[in-house]
Amino acid sequence: MCRITTTFVLLFSSFCLFSQFEMGVKAGLSSTQLITEGILLQNQENDSYQLNVNHVDYGIHFGLYGRISLANIFLEPSFLLNSNQVNYQLDEFNESGIFSSLQSESFQHLDIPLLIGFKTGILKIQGGPVAHIYLNNTSALGNINGYEEKFETANYGYQFGVGLDIWRFRLECNYEGNLHKFGDHITVDGNQYSFSAKPARIISTLGYAF
């Protein structure tokens, strides 16, 4: 056990000795790709609602990143505050007919991607897992009788993409997929709903290394 510990410490020390470390800031925009069918909601009073995604606004993110490089390989964790807004069309069915309205939800998450990449010249290729930590949201869907929100503390996905390192500037364009279905926080009178599709994003980021 002592030999294993000693070997690990020596390997880690060697990695730190021969690797390079940088830290910086990042900010950017994301475009969410979400093509999905609507969902039919019903409460205990038999009120019925049809909820459809109308469009998703551009999201914004900003935060810090760190990078450890060894030769052409690098490991890059980031901590990014992310905010985006989804706009819905809500159709309420009643005896008078169908009443339609536009409603919106905004979400704030802490995104933590952990990317592993390969760099040659100014070009880099990267990919890895990402965690989305729920922070807060505001919603107009409370107009639905019996509506509740049950957010998971975290959900997960993956990212991969390409980038350019030019002087101290870090340009990136990543694709992000998620492992959960969109809208799985929607609950009406104890029944949980979700849309049929998993959200995906195209993320454009500009970073600057200190």
N, C-alpha and C. Protein backbone atom coordinates (compact mmCIF):
# COMPACT_ATOMS: atom_id res chain seq x y z
N MET A 1 0.84 -1.20 0.00
CA MET A 1 0.00 0.00 0.00
C MET A 1 0.87 1.25 0.00
N CYS A 2 1.94 1.21 0.80
CA CYS A 2 2.85 2.36 0.88
C CYS A 2 3.52 2.59 -0.47
N ARG A 3 3.92 1.49 -1.14
CA ARG A 3 4.56 1.62 -2.45
C ARG A 3 3.60 2.22 -3.47
N ILE A 4 2.32 1.79 -3.44
CA ILE A 4 1.34 2.32 -4.38
C ILE A 4 1.14 3.80 -4.16
N THR A 5 1.04 4.20 -2.89
CA THR A 5 0.85 5.62 -2.56
C THR A 5 2.04 6.44 -3.02
N THR A 6 3.24 5.92 -2.77
CA THR A 6 4.46 6.62 -3.18
C THR A 6 4.53 6.77 -4.69
N THR A 7 4.17 5.69 -5.41
CA THR A 7 4.18 5.73 -6.87
C THR A 7 3.20 6.76 -7.39
N PHE A 8 1.99 6.80 -6.80
CA PHE A 8 0.97 7.76 -7.21
C PHE A 8 1.45 9.19 -6.99
N VAL A 9 2.05 9.44 -5.84
CA VAL A 9 2.54 10.79 -5.53
C VAL A 9 3.63 11.20 -6.51
N LEU A 10 4.51 10.27 -6.85
CA LEU A 10 5.59 10.58 -7.79
C LEU A 10 5.04 10.86 -9.18
N LEU A 11 4.05 10.06 -9.61
CA LEU A 11 3.48 10.29 -10.93
C LEU A 11 2.74 11.62 -10.99
N PHE A 12 1.99 11.93 -9.93
CA PHE A 12 1.27 13.20 -9.89
C PHE A 12 2.23 14.37 -9.87
N SER A 13 3.30 14.24 -9.09
CA SER A 13 4.30 15.30 -9.02
C SER A 13 4.97 15.50 -10.37
N SER A 14 5.26 14.40 -11.07
CA SER A 14 5.88 14.50 -12.39
C SER A 14 4.94 15.18 -13.38
N PHE A 15 3.65 14.84 -13.30
CA PHE A 15 2.68 15.46 -14.19
C PHE A 15 2.62 16.96 -13.96
N CYS A 16 2.55 17.36 -12.69
CA CYS A 16 2.49 18.79 -12.37
C CYS A 16 3.77 19.50 -12.78
N LEU A 17 4.90 18.80 -12.67
CA LEU A 17 6.18 19.41 -12.99
C LEU A 17 6.30 19.69 -14.49
N PHE A 18 5.83 18.74 -15.31
CA PHE A 18 6.03 18.87 -16.74
C PHE A 18 4.80 19.45 -17.46
N SER A 19 3.73 19.69 -16.75
CA SER A 19 2.53 20.23 -17.38
C SER A 19 2.51 21.75 -17.26
N GLN A 20 1.64 22.36 -18.04
CA GLN A 20 1.43 23.80 -18.00
C GLN A 20 0.01 24.08 -17.54
N PHE A 21 -0.14 25.15 -16.79
CA PHE A 21 -1.46 25.50 -16.26
C PHE A 21 -1.83 26.92 -16.68
N GLU A 22 -3.09 27.10 -17.08
CA GLU A 22 -3.58 28.44 -17.36
C GLU A 22 -4.99 28.59 -16.78
N MET A 23 -5.38 29.83 -16.57
CA MET A 23 -6.70 30.13 -16.03
C MET A 23 -7.22 31.36 -16.74
N GLY A 24 -8.54 31.45 -16.92
CA GLY A 24 -9.09 32.59 -17.62
C GLY A 24 -10.59 32.72 -17.45
N VAL A 25 -11.15 33.59 -18.23
CA VAL A 25 -12.60 33.84 -18.20
C VAL A 25 -13.21 33.43 -19.53
N LYS A 26 -14.51 33.12 -19.49
CA LYS A 26 -15.24 32.74 -20.69
C LYS A 26 -16.61 33.41 -20.68
N ALA A 27 -17.13 33.70 -21.87
CA ALA A 27 -18.49 34.20 -22.02
C ALA A 27 -18.96 33.86 -23.42
N GLY A 28 -20.27 33.73 -23.59
CA GLY A 28 -20.76 33.41 -24.93
C GLY A 28 -22.25 33.24 -25.00
N LEU A 29 -22.70 32.73 -26.15
CA LEU A 29 -24.10 32.53 -26.45
C LEU A 29 -24.34 31.07 -26.82
N SER A 30 -25.59 30.62 -26.60
CA SER A 30 -25.96 29.27 -27.00
C SER A 30 -27.31 29.30 -27.70
N SER A 31 -27.46 28.42 -28.67
CA SER A 31 -28.70 28.28 -29.41
C SER A 31 -29.24 26.87 -29.18
N THR A 32 -30.43 26.78 -28.60
CA THR A 32 -31.01 25.47 -28.27
C THR A 32 -31.81 24.93 -29.44
N GLN A 33 -31.53 23.67 -29.78
CA GLN A 33 -32.25 22.97 -30.84
C GLN A 33 -33.28 22.07 -30.16
N LEU A 34 -34.58 22.34 -30.38
CA LEU A 34 -35.61 21.58 -29.69
C LEU A 34 -36.84 21.45 -30.60
N ILE A 35 -36.93 20.30 -31.27
CA ILE A 35 -38.10 20.00 -32.09
C ILE A 35 -38.85 18.88 -31.39
N THR A 36 -40.04 19.19 -30.88
CA THR A 36 -40.75 18.22 -30.07
C THR A 36 -42.25 18.43 -30.20
N GLU A 37 -42.99 17.37 -29.95
CA GLU A 37 -44.44 17.46 -29.93
C GLU A 37 -44.88 18.09 -28.61
N GLY A 38 -46.08 18.67 -28.62
CA GLY A 38 -46.63 19.25 -27.40
C GLY A 38 -47.07 18.17 -26.42
N ILE A 39 -47.39 18.60 -25.21
CA ILE A 39 -47.87 17.66 -24.20
C ILE A 39 -49.24 18.11 -23.71
N LEU A 40 -50.09 17.14 -23.41
CA LEU A 40 -51.43 17.40 -22.91
C LEU A 40 -51.42 17.29 -21.39
N LEU A 41 -51.80 18.36 -20.70
CA LEU A 41 -51.81 18.41 -19.25
C LEU A 41 -53.26 18.37 -18.77
N GLN A 42 -53.48 17.67 -17.65
CA GLN A 42 -54.83 17.59 -17.10
C GLN A 42 -54.75 17.54 -15.58
N ASN A 43 -55.60 18.33 -14.91
CA ASN A 43 -55.59 18.33 -13.45
C ASN A 43 -56.78 17.54 -12.91
N GLN A 44 -56.92 17.54 -11.58
CA GLN A 44 -57.96 16.74 -10.94
C GLN A 44 -59.36 17.26 -11.23
N GLU A 45 -59.48 18.53 -11.64
CA GLU A 45 -60.78 19.09 -12.00
C GLU A 45 -61.12 18.84 -13.47
N ASN A 46 -60.26 18.01 -14.12
CA ASN A 46 -60.43 17.68 -15.55
C ASN A 46 -60.27 18.89 -16.46
N ASP A 47 -59.57 19.91 -15.99
CA ASP A 47 -59.18 21.00 -16.88
C ASP A 47 -58.06 20.48 -17.78
N SER A 48 -58.13 20.78 -19.06
CA SER A 48 -57.15 20.28 -20.02
C SER A 48 -56.38 21.44 -20.65
N TYR A 49 -55.08 21.22 -20.84
CA TYR A 49 -54.20 22.22 -21.43
C TYR A 49 -53.28 21.53 -22.42
N GLN A 50 -53.04 22.18 -23.55
CA GLN A 50 -52.03 21.72 -24.50
C GLN A 50 -50.86 22.70 -24.44
N LEU A 51 -49.66 22.16 -24.16
CA LEU A 51 -48.47 23.00 -24.01
C LEU A 51 -47.50 22.67 -25.13
N ASN A 52 -47.16 23.69 -25.94
CA ASN A 52 -46.22 23.52 -27.05
C ASN A 52 -45.05 24.50 -26.90
N VAL A 53 -43.88 24.06 -27.30
CA VAL A 53 -42.73 24.96 -27.33
C VAL A 53 -42.87 25.89 -28.52
N ASN A 54 -42.91 27.19 -28.28
CA ASN A 54 -43.02 28.17 -29.35
C ASN A 54 -41.64 28.48 -29.91
N HIS A 55 -40.73 28.94 -29.08
CA HIS A 55 -39.33 29.10 -29.47
C HIS A 55 -38.47 29.26 -28.21
N VAL A 56 -37.19 29.05 -28.38
CA VAL A 56 -36.22 29.16 -27.29
C VAL A 56 -35.29 30.32 -27.60
N ASP A 57 -35.19 31.27 -26.68
CA ASP A 57 -34.30 32.41 -26.87
C ASP A 57 -32.83 31.98 -26.78
N TYR A 58 -31.94 32.82 -27.30
CA TYR A 58 -30.51 32.57 -27.13
C TYR A 58 -30.17 32.61 -25.64
N GLY A 59 -29.37 31.65 -25.20
CA GLY A 59 -28.88 31.65 -23.83
C GLY A 59 -27.56 32.38 -23.72
N ILE A 60 -27.24 32.84 -22.52
CA ILE A 60 -25.96 33.49 -22.28
C ILE A 60 -25.25 32.77 -21.15
N HIS A 61 -23.93 32.77 -21.20
CA HIS A 61 -23.15 32.14 -20.13
C HIS A 61 -21.85 32.90 -19.94
N PHE A 62 -21.33 32.83 -18.72
CA PHE A 62 -20.04 33.45 -18.41
C PHE A 62 -19.49 32.79 -17.14
N GLY A 63 -18.17 32.83 -17.02
CA GLY A 63 -17.55 32.23 -15.84
C GLY A 63 -16.06 32.06 -16.00
N LEU A 64 -15.51 31.09 -15.28
CA LEU A 64 -14.07 30.85 -15.22
C LEU A 64 -13.74 29.47 -15.77
N TYR A 65 -12.52 29.34 -16.25
CA TYR A 65 -12.04 28.03 -16.67
C TYR A 65 -10.58 27.87 -16.23
N GLY A 66 -10.15 26.63 -16.16
CA GLY A 66 -8.75 26.31 -15.93
C GLY A 66 -8.32 25.26 -16.93
N ARG A 67 -7.05 25.22 -17.24
CA ARG A 67 -6.55 24.23 -18.21
C ARG A 67 -5.19 23.72 -17.76
N ILE A 68 -5.07 22.39 -17.75
CA ILE A 68 -3.79 21.73 -17.49
C ILE A 68 -3.37 21.04 -18.78
N SER A 69 -2.20 21.37 -19.30
CA SER A 69 -1.73 20.82 -20.57
C SER A 69 -0.46 20.03 -20.35
N LEU A 70 -0.37 18.90 -21.03
CA LEU A 70 0.84 18.09 -21.04
C LEU A 70 1.08 17.69 -22.48
N ALA A 71 2.15 18.25 -23.07
CA ALA A 71 2.41 18.08 -24.51
C ALA A 71 1.20 18.63 -25.27
N ASN A 72 0.58 17.80 -26.11
CA ASN A 72 -0.56 18.27 -26.92
C ASN A 72 -1.92 17.93 -26.30
N ILE A 73 -1.92 17.31 -25.13
CA ILE A 73 -3.16 16.90 -24.47
C ILE A 73 -3.48 17.88 -23.35
N PHE A 74 -4.77 18.21 -23.20
CA PHE A 74 -5.15 19.11 -22.12
C PHE A 74 -6.45 18.66 -21.46
N LEU A 75 -6.59 19.06 -20.20
CA LEU A 75 -7.79 18.84 -19.41
C LEU A 75 -8.31 20.20 -18.99
N GLU A 76 -9.60 20.48 -19.29
CA GLU A 76 -10.12 21.83 -19.08
C GLU A 76 -11.48 21.81 -18.40
N PRO A 77 -11.54 22.02 -17.08
CA PRO A 77 -12.83 22.22 -16.40
C PRO A 77 -13.24 23.69 -16.44
N SER A 78 -14.55 23.93 -16.48
CA SER A 78 -15.08 25.30 -16.46
C SER A 78 -16.24 25.37 -15.48
N PHE A 79 -16.46 26.58 -14.97
CA PHE A 79 -17.60 26.86 -14.08
C PHE A 79 -18.32 28.07 -14.66
N LEU A 80 -19.49 27.82 -15.27
CA LEU A 80 -20.16 28.84 -16.07
C LEU A 80 -21.59 29.04 -15.58
N LEU A 81 -21.96 30.27 -15.29
CA LEU A 81 -23.34 30.61 -15.00
C LEU A 81 -24.09 30.72 -16.32
N ASN A 82 -25.18 29.98 -16.45
CA ASN A 82 -25.92 29.91 -17.71
C ASN A 82 -27.37 30.31 -17.48
N SER A 83 -27.90 31.16 -18.36
CA SER A 83 -29.29 31.59 -18.28
C SER A 83 -29.94 31.50 -19.65
N ASN A 84 -31.15 30.94 -19.71
CA ASN A 84 -31.88 30.90 -20.98
C ASN A 84 -33.38 30.94 -20.72
N GLN A 85 -34.13 31.22 -21.77
CA GLN A 85 -35.59 31.37 -21.65
C GLN A 85 -36.29 30.58 -22.74
N VAL A 86 -37.36 29.90 -22.33
CA VAL A 86 -38.19 29.11 -23.24
C VAL A 86 -39.57 29.75 -23.31
N ASN A 87 -40.11 29.88 -24.51
CA ASN A 87 -41.43 30.47 -24.72
C ASN A 87 -42.39 29.40 -25.22
N TYR A 88 -43.56 29.34 -24.58
CA TYR A 88 -44.54 28.30 -24.89
C TYR A 88 -45.82 28.92 -25.45
N GLN A 89 -46.55 28.10 -26.19
CA GLN A 89 -47.95 28.41 -26.48
C GLN A 89 -48.80 27.48 -25.62
N LEU A 90 -49.66 28.07 -24.81
CA LEU A 90 -50.52 27.31 -23.91
C LEU A 90 -51.96 27.43 -24.40
N ASP A 91 -52.58 26.29 -24.74
CA ASP A 91 -53.98 26.24 -25.15
C ASP A 91 -54.81 25.64 -24.02
N GLU A 92 -55.76 26.42 -23.52
CA GLU A 92 -56.65 25.95 -22.46
C GLU A 92 -58.01 25.61 -23.05
N PHE A 93 -58.47 24.39 -22.78
CA PHE A 93 -59.74 23.93 -23.32
C PHE A 93 -60.84 24.09 -22.26
N ASN A 94 -61.89 24.81 -22.60
CA ASN A 94 -63.03 24.94 -21.68
C ASN A 94 -64.33 24.95 -22.47
N GLU A 95 -65.42 25.17 -21.76
CA GLU A 95 -66.73 25.10 -22.41
C GLU A 95 -66.91 26.18 -23.47
N SER A 96 -66.18 27.29 -23.32
CA SER A 96 -66.31 28.40 -24.27
C SER A 96 -65.47 28.20 -25.52
N GLY A 97 -64.62 27.19 -25.51
CA GLY A 97 -63.74 26.95 -26.65
C GLY A 97 -62.29 26.82 -26.21
N ILE A 98 -61.39 27.30 -27.02
CA ILE A 98 -59.95 27.20 -26.75
C ILE A 98 -59.40 28.61 -26.53
N PHE A 99 -58.75 28.80 -25.38
CA PHE A 99 -58.10 30.07 -25.09
C PHE A 99 -56.59 29.88 -25.19
N SER A 100 -55.94 30.61 -26.09
CA SER A 100 -54.49 30.46 -26.32
C SER A 100 -53.74 31.66 -25.75
N SER A 101 -52.58 31.39 -25.18
CA SER A 101 -51.74 32.46 -24.64
C SER A 101 -50.27 32.06 -24.77
N LEU A 102 -49.39 33.04 -24.73
CA LEU A 102 -47.94 32.79 -24.74
C LEU A 102 -47.42 32.91 -23.32
N GLN A 103 -46.69 31.91 -22.88
CA GLN A 103 -46.11 31.88 -21.54
C GLN A 103 -44.60 31.63 -21.68
N SER A 104 -43.86 31.96 -20.64
CA SER A 104 -42.40 31.79 -20.72
C SER A 104 -41.85 31.28 -19.39
N GLU A 105 -40.72 30.62 -19.50
CA GLU A 105 -39.94 30.19 -18.34
C GLU A 105 -38.49 30.57 -18.56
N SER A 106 -37.83 31.04 -17.53
CA SER A 106 -36.40 31.29 -17.61
C SER A 106 -35.69 30.42 -16.57
N PHE A 107 -34.49 29.96 -16.92
CA PHE A 107 -33.75 29.03 -16.08
C PHE A 107 -32.34 29.55 -15.86
N GLN A 108 -31.82 29.30 -14.66
CA GLN A 108 -30.43 29.61 -14.36
C GLN A 108 -29.77 28.34 -13.81
N HIS A 109 -28.64 27.99 -14.42
CA HIS A 109 -27.88 26.82 -13.99
C HIS A 109 -26.41 27.17 -13.84
N LEU A 110 -25.71 26.38 -13.06
CA LEU A 110 -24.25 26.39 -13.06
C LEU A 110 -23.81 25.21 -13.92
N ASP A 111 -23.21 25.50 -15.06
CA ASP A 111 -22.73 24.45 -15.97
C ASP A 111 -21.27 24.14 -15.65
N ILE A 112 -20.97 22.84 -15.54
CA ILE A 112 -19.59 22.41 -15.23
C ILE A 112 -19.15 21.40 -16.28
N PRO A 113 -18.65 21.85 -17.43
CA PRO A 113 -18.09 20.91 -18.40
C PRO A 113 -16.66 20.52 -18.02
N LEU A 114 -16.32 19.28 -18.25
CA LEU A 114 -14.96 18.78 -18.03
C LEU A 114 -14.48 18.20 -19.35
N LEU A 115 -13.72 19.01 -20.09
CA LEU A 115 -13.35 18.65 -21.45
C LEU A 115 -11.91 18.15 -21.52
N ILE A 116 -11.73 17.10 -22.29
CA ILE A 116 -10.40 16.57 -22.59
C ILE A 116 -10.15 16.83 -24.08
N GLY A 117 -8.98 17.36 -24.40
CA GLY A 117 -8.76 17.73 -25.78
C GLY A 117 -7.35 17.49 -26.29
N PHE A 118 -7.23 17.67 -27.59
CA PHE A 118 -5.94 17.55 -28.29
C PHE A 118 -5.70 18.85 -29.03
N LYS A 119 -4.52 19.39 -28.91
CA LYS A 119 -4.19 20.68 -29.51
C LYS A 119 -3.00 20.53 -30.45
N THR A 120 -3.15 21.08 -31.65
CA THR A 120 -2.04 21.13 -32.59
C THR A 120 -2.01 22.52 -33.22
N GLY A 121 -0.94 23.25 -33.00
CA GLY A 121 -0.87 24.63 -33.45
C GLY A 121 -1.91 25.46 -32.71
N ILE A 122 -2.71 26.21 -33.45
CA ILE A 122 -3.77 27.00 -32.81
C ILE A 122 -5.10 26.25 -32.76
N LEU A 123 -5.17 25.06 -33.39
CA LEU A 123 -6.41 24.30 -33.47
C LEU A 123 -6.51 23.31 -32.31
N LYS A 124 -7.70 23.17 -31.76
CA LYS A 124 -7.93 22.19 -30.71
C LYS A 124 -9.24 21.45 -30.96
N ILE A 125 -9.27 20.19 -30.55
CA ILE A 125 -10.46 19.34 -30.62
C ILE A 125 -10.71 18.84 -29.21
N GLN A 126 -11.98 18.89 -28.76
CA GLN A 126 -12.25 18.59 -27.36
C GLN A 126 -13.61 17.93 -27.18
N GLY A 127 -13.77 17.27 -26.04
CA GLY A 127 -15.05 16.65 -25.72
C GLY A 127 -15.03 16.14 -24.30
N GLY A 128 -16.23 15.89 -23.76
CA GLY A 128 -16.32 15.36 -22.41
C GLY A 128 -17.68 15.57 -21.79
N PRO A 129 -17.85 15.16 -20.52
CA PRO A 129 -19.14 15.28 -19.84
C PRO A 129 -19.38 16.70 -19.33
N VAL A 130 -20.66 17.01 -19.07
CA VAL A 130 -21.03 18.30 -18.50
C VAL A 130 -22.15 18.06 -17.49
N ALA A 131 -22.07 18.76 -16.36
CA ALA A 131 -23.12 18.73 -15.34
C ALA A 131 -23.82 20.08 -15.31
N HIS A 132 -25.14 20.06 -15.17
CA HIS A 132 -25.94 21.27 -15.03
C HIS A 132 -26.53 21.28 -13.62
N ILE A 133 -26.07 22.20 -12.79
CA ILE A 133 -26.55 22.32 -11.42
C ILE A 133 -27.66 23.37 -11.38
N TYR A 134 -28.86 22.96 -10.96
CA TYR A 134 -30.00 23.88 -10.94
C TYR A 134 -29.80 24.95 -9.88
N LEU A 135 -30.03 26.22 -10.26
CA LEU A 135 -29.93 27.33 -9.34
C LEU A 135 -31.28 28.00 -9.08
N ASN A 136 -31.99 28.37 -10.15
CA ASN A 136 -33.23 29.14 -9.97
C ASN A 136 -34.02 29.15 -11.27
N ASN A 137 -35.29 29.51 -11.17
CA ASN A 137 -36.10 29.70 -12.37
C ASN A 137 -37.28 30.61 -12.06
N THR A 138 -37.83 31.21 -13.08
CA THR A 138 -39.09 31.95 -12.98
C THR A 138 -40.00 31.43 -14.08
N SER A 139 -41.30 31.27 -13.76
CA SER A 139 -42.22 30.65 -14.71
C SER A 139 -43.58 31.31 -14.65
N ALA A 140 -44.20 31.43 -15.83
CA ALA A 140 -45.58 31.91 -15.93
C ALA A 140 -46.57 30.76 -16.03
N LEU A 141 -46.09 29.51 -15.95
CA LEU A 141 -46.98 28.37 -16.07
C LEU A 141 -47.79 28.13 -14.80
N GLY A 142 -47.55 28.93 -13.77
CA GLY A 142 -48.34 28.82 -12.55
C GLY A 142 -49.80 29.13 -12.77
N ASN A 143 -50.17 29.67 -13.94
CA ASN A 143 -51.57 29.91 -14.27
C ASN A 143 -52.34 28.60 -14.47
N ILE A 144 -51.61 27.49 -14.66
CA ILE A 144 -52.25 26.19 -14.79
C ILE A 144 -52.65 25.69 -13.41
N ASN A 145 -53.93 25.37 -13.23
CA ASN A 145 -54.39 24.88 -11.92
C ASN A 145 -53.72 23.55 -11.58
N GLY A 146 -53.11 23.49 -10.39
CA GLY A 146 -52.43 22.28 -9.96
C GLY A 146 -50.99 22.18 -10.40
N TYR A 147 -50.46 23.24 -11.04
CA TYR A 147 -49.09 23.19 -11.57
C TYR A 147 -48.07 23.26 -10.45
N GLU A 148 -47.04 22.41 -10.54
CA GLU A 148 -45.91 22.41 -9.62
C GLU A 148 -44.62 22.24 -10.42
N GLU A 149 -43.51 22.61 -9.79
CA GLU A 149 -42.18 22.42 -10.40
C GLU A 149 -41.34 21.54 -9.50
N LYS A 150 -40.77 20.50 -10.07
CA LYS A 150 -39.90 19.60 -9.32
C LYS A 150 -38.61 19.42 -10.12
N PHE A 151 -37.65 20.27 -9.81
CA PHE A 151 -36.37 20.23 -10.52
C PHE A 151 -35.41 19.27 -9.82
N GLU A 152 -34.68 18.50 -10.61
CA GLU A 152 -33.58 17.72 -10.07
C GLU A 152 -32.42 18.65 -9.73
N THR A 153 -31.68 18.30 -8.70
CA THR A 153 -30.54 19.12 -8.30
C THR A 153 -29.53 19.25 -9.43
N ALA A 154 -29.35 18.18 -10.19
CA ALA A 154 -28.39 18.21 -11.30
C ALA A 154 -28.86 17.27 -12.40
N ASN A 155 -28.55 17.61 -13.64
CA ASN A 155 -28.69 16.67 -14.74
C ASN A 155 -27.43 16.76 -15.59
N TYR A 156 -27.28 15.80 -16.51
CA TYR A 156 -25.98 15.61 -17.14
C TYR A 156 -26.11 15.50 -18.66
N GLY A 157 -25.01 15.78 -19.31
CA GLY A 157 -24.95 15.68 -20.75
C GLY A 157 -23.51 15.52 -21.21
N TYR A 158 -23.27 15.90 -22.46
CA TYR A 158 -21.93 15.77 -23.04
C TYR A 158 -21.72 16.89 -24.03
N GLN A 159 -20.46 17.23 -24.25
CA GLN A 159 -20.08 18.25 -25.22
C GLN A 159 -18.93 17.76 -26.07
N PHE A 160 -18.88 18.23 -27.32
CA PHE A 160 -17.69 18.04 -28.15
C PHE A 160 -17.67 19.15 -29.19
N GLY A 161 -16.47 19.50 -29.61
CA GLY A 161 -16.36 20.58 -30.59
C GLY A 161 -14.93 20.92 -30.92
N VAL A 162 -14.77 22.09 -31.52
CA VAL A 162 -13.46 22.55 -31.96
C VAL A 162 -13.24 23.98 -31.47
N GLY A 163 -11.99 24.40 -31.53
CA GLY A 163 -11.69 25.76 -31.11
C GLY A 163 -10.36 26.24 -31.66
N LEU A 164 -10.09 27.51 -31.43
CA LEU A 164 -8.84 28.14 -31.84
C LEU A 164 -8.26 28.89 -30.65
N ASP A 165 -6.96 28.71 -30.43
CA ASP A 165 -6.23 29.49 -29.43
C ASP A 165 -5.35 30.49 -30.17
N ILE A 166 -5.71 31.77 -30.09
CA ILE A 166 -4.97 32.83 -30.77
C ILE A 166 -4.48 33.82 -29.73
N TRP A 167 -3.18 33.83 -29.50
CA TRP A 167 -2.57 34.61 -28.43
C TRP A 167 -3.25 34.22 -27.13
N ARG A 168 -3.86 35.15 -26.42
CA ARG A 168 -4.55 34.83 -25.17
C ARG A 168 -6.06 34.58 -25.35
N PHE A 169 -6.54 34.68 -26.58
CA PHE A 169 -7.96 34.49 -26.84
C PHE A 169 -8.26 33.02 -27.13
N ARG A 170 -9.40 32.55 -26.59
CA ARG A 170 -9.82 31.17 -26.75
C ARG A 170 -11.21 31.15 -27.40
N LEU A 171 -11.26 30.74 -28.66
CA LEU A 171 -12.51 30.67 -29.41
C LEU A 171 -12.98 29.22 -29.47
N GLU A 172 -14.28 28.98 -29.20
CA GLU A 172 -14.79 27.61 -29.19
C GLU A 172 -16.19 27.56 -29.80
N CYS A 173 -16.48 26.44 -30.43
CA CYS A 173 -17.84 26.13 -30.87
C CYS A 173 -18.09 24.66 -30.53
N ASN A 174 -19.02 24.42 -29.60
CA ASN A 174 -19.27 23.06 -29.11
C ASN A 174 -20.72 22.67 -29.34
N TYR A 175 -20.93 21.39 -29.55
CA TYR A 175 -22.27 20.81 -29.57
C TYR A 175 -22.50 20.16 -28.22
N GLU A 176 -23.70 20.36 -27.66
CA GLU A 176 -24.04 19.75 -26.38
C GLU A 176 -25.32 18.94 -26.49
N GLY A 177 -25.26 17.69 -26.06
CA GLY A 177 -26.44 16.85 -25.94
C GLY A 177 -26.74 16.59 -24.48
N ASN A 178 -27.98 16.28 -24.17
CA ASN A 178 -28.37 16.03 -22.78
C ASN A 178 -28.95 14.64 -22.63
N LEU A 179 -28.91 14.13 -21.39
CA LEU A 179 -29.37 12.79 -21.11
C LEU A 179 -30.78 12.78 -20.53
N HIS A 180 -31.42 13.95 -20.41
CA HIS A 180 -32.78 14.01 -19.85
C HIS A 180 -33.71 14.65 -20.88
N LYS A 181 -34.99 14.34 -20.78
CA LYS A 181 -35.98 14.93 -21.67
C LYS A 181 -36.34 16.33 -21.19
N PHE A 182 -36.62 17.20 -22.14
CA PHE A 182 -36.95 18.58 -21.81
C PHE A 182 -38.31 18.65 -21.10
N GLY A 183 -38.40 19.51 -20.08
CA GLY A 183 -39.66 19.73 -19.38
C GLY A 183 -39.98 18.71 -18.32
N ASP A 184 -39.01 17.86 -17.92
CA ASP A 184 -39.32 16.83 -16.93
C ASP A 184 -39.54 17.38 -15.53
N HIS A 185 -39.47 18.71 -15.37
CA HIS A 185 -39.79 19.33 -14.08
C HIS A 185 -41.27 19.65 -13.95
N ILE A 186 -42.03 19.49 -15.02
CA ILE A 186 -43.44 19.89 -15.02
C ILE A 186 -44.29 18.83 -14.33
N THR A 187 -45.02 19.24 -13.30
CA THR A 187 -45.90 18.35 -12.54
C THR A 187 -47.25 19.03 -12.36
N VAL A 188 -48.33 18.30 -12.62
CA VAL A 188 -49.68 18.82 -12.43
C VAL A 188 -50.44 17.84 -11.54
N ASP A 189 -50.82 18.30 -10.35
CA ASP A 189 -51.54 17.47 -9.38
C ASP A 189 -50.85 16.13 -9.16
N GLY A 190 -49.53 16.17 -9.02
CA GLY A 190 -48.75 14.98 -8.71
C GLY A 190 -48.33 14.16 -9.90
N ASN A 191 -48.82 14.45 -11.09
CA ASN A 191 -48.43 13.71 -12.30
C ASN A 191 -47.31 14.46 -13.03
N GLN A 192 -46.22 13.75 -13.29
CA GLN A 192 -45.07 14.36 -13.93
C GLN A 192 -45.16 14.20 -15.45
N TYR A 193 -44.78 15.26 -16.16
CA TYR A 193 -44.81 15.27 -17.62
C TYR A 193 -43.43 15.62 -18.16
N SER A 194 -43.24 15.38 -19.44
CA SER A 194 -42.04 15.85 -20.13
C SER A 194 -42.32 15.84 -21.62
N PHE A 195 -41.57 16.65 -22.35
CA PHE A 195 -41.67 16.64 -23.81
C PHE A 195 -40.94 15.40 -24.35
N SER A 196 -41.14 15.13 -25.62
CA SER A 196 -40.61 13.89 -26.20
C SER A 196 -39.12 13.96 -26.52
N ALA A 197 -38.58 15.18 -26.62
CA ALA A 197 -37.20 15.33 -27.10
C ALA A 197 -36.24 15.71 -25.99
N LYS A 198 -34.99 15.37 -26.20
CA LYS A 198 -33.91 15.82 -25.32
C LYS A 198 -33.29 17.08 -25.92
N PRO A 199 -33.07 18.11 -25.10
CA PRO A 199 -32.55 19.36 -25.65
C PRO A 199 -31.10 19.22 -26.11
N ALA A 200 -30.76 19.97 -27.16
CA ALA A 200 -29.38 20.04 -27.65
C ALA A 200 -29.04 21.50 -27.90
N ARG A 201 -27.77 21.84 -27.74
CA ARG A 201 -27.36 23.24 -27.90
C ARG A 201 -26.11 23.35 -28.77
N ILE A 202 -26.02 24.45 -29.50
CA ILE A 202 -24.79 24.87 -30.14
C ILE A 202 -24.25 26.03 -29.30
N ILE A 203 -23.04 25.88 -28.79
CA ILE A 203 -22.49 26.84 -27.83
C ILE A 203 -21.27 27.53 -28.44
N SER A 204 -21.35 28.84 -28.54
CA SER A 204 -20.22 29.65 -29.01
C SER A 204 -19.64 30.43 -27.84
N THR A 205 -18.33 30.35 -27.67
CA THR A 205 -17.69 30.92 -26.48
C THR A 205 -16.42 31.65 -26.87
N LEU A 206 -16.21 32.78 -26.23
CA LEU A 206 -14.94 33.51 -26.32
C LEU A 206 -14.32 33.56 -24.95
N GLY A 207 -13.08 33.11 -24.85
CA GLY A 207 -12.36 33.12 -23.59
C GLY A 207 -11.11 33.96 -23.67
N TYR A 208 -10.60 34.32 -22.50
CA TYR A 208 -9.36 35.08 -22.42
C TYR A 208 -8.52 34.53 -21.29
N ALA A 209 -7.30 34.15 -21.57
CA ALA A 209 -6.39 33.58 -20.59
C ALA A 209 -5.66 34.69 -19.86
N PHE A 210 -5.60 34.57 -18.54
CA PHE A 210 -4.89 35.57 -17.73
C PHE A 210 -3.37 35.49 -18.00
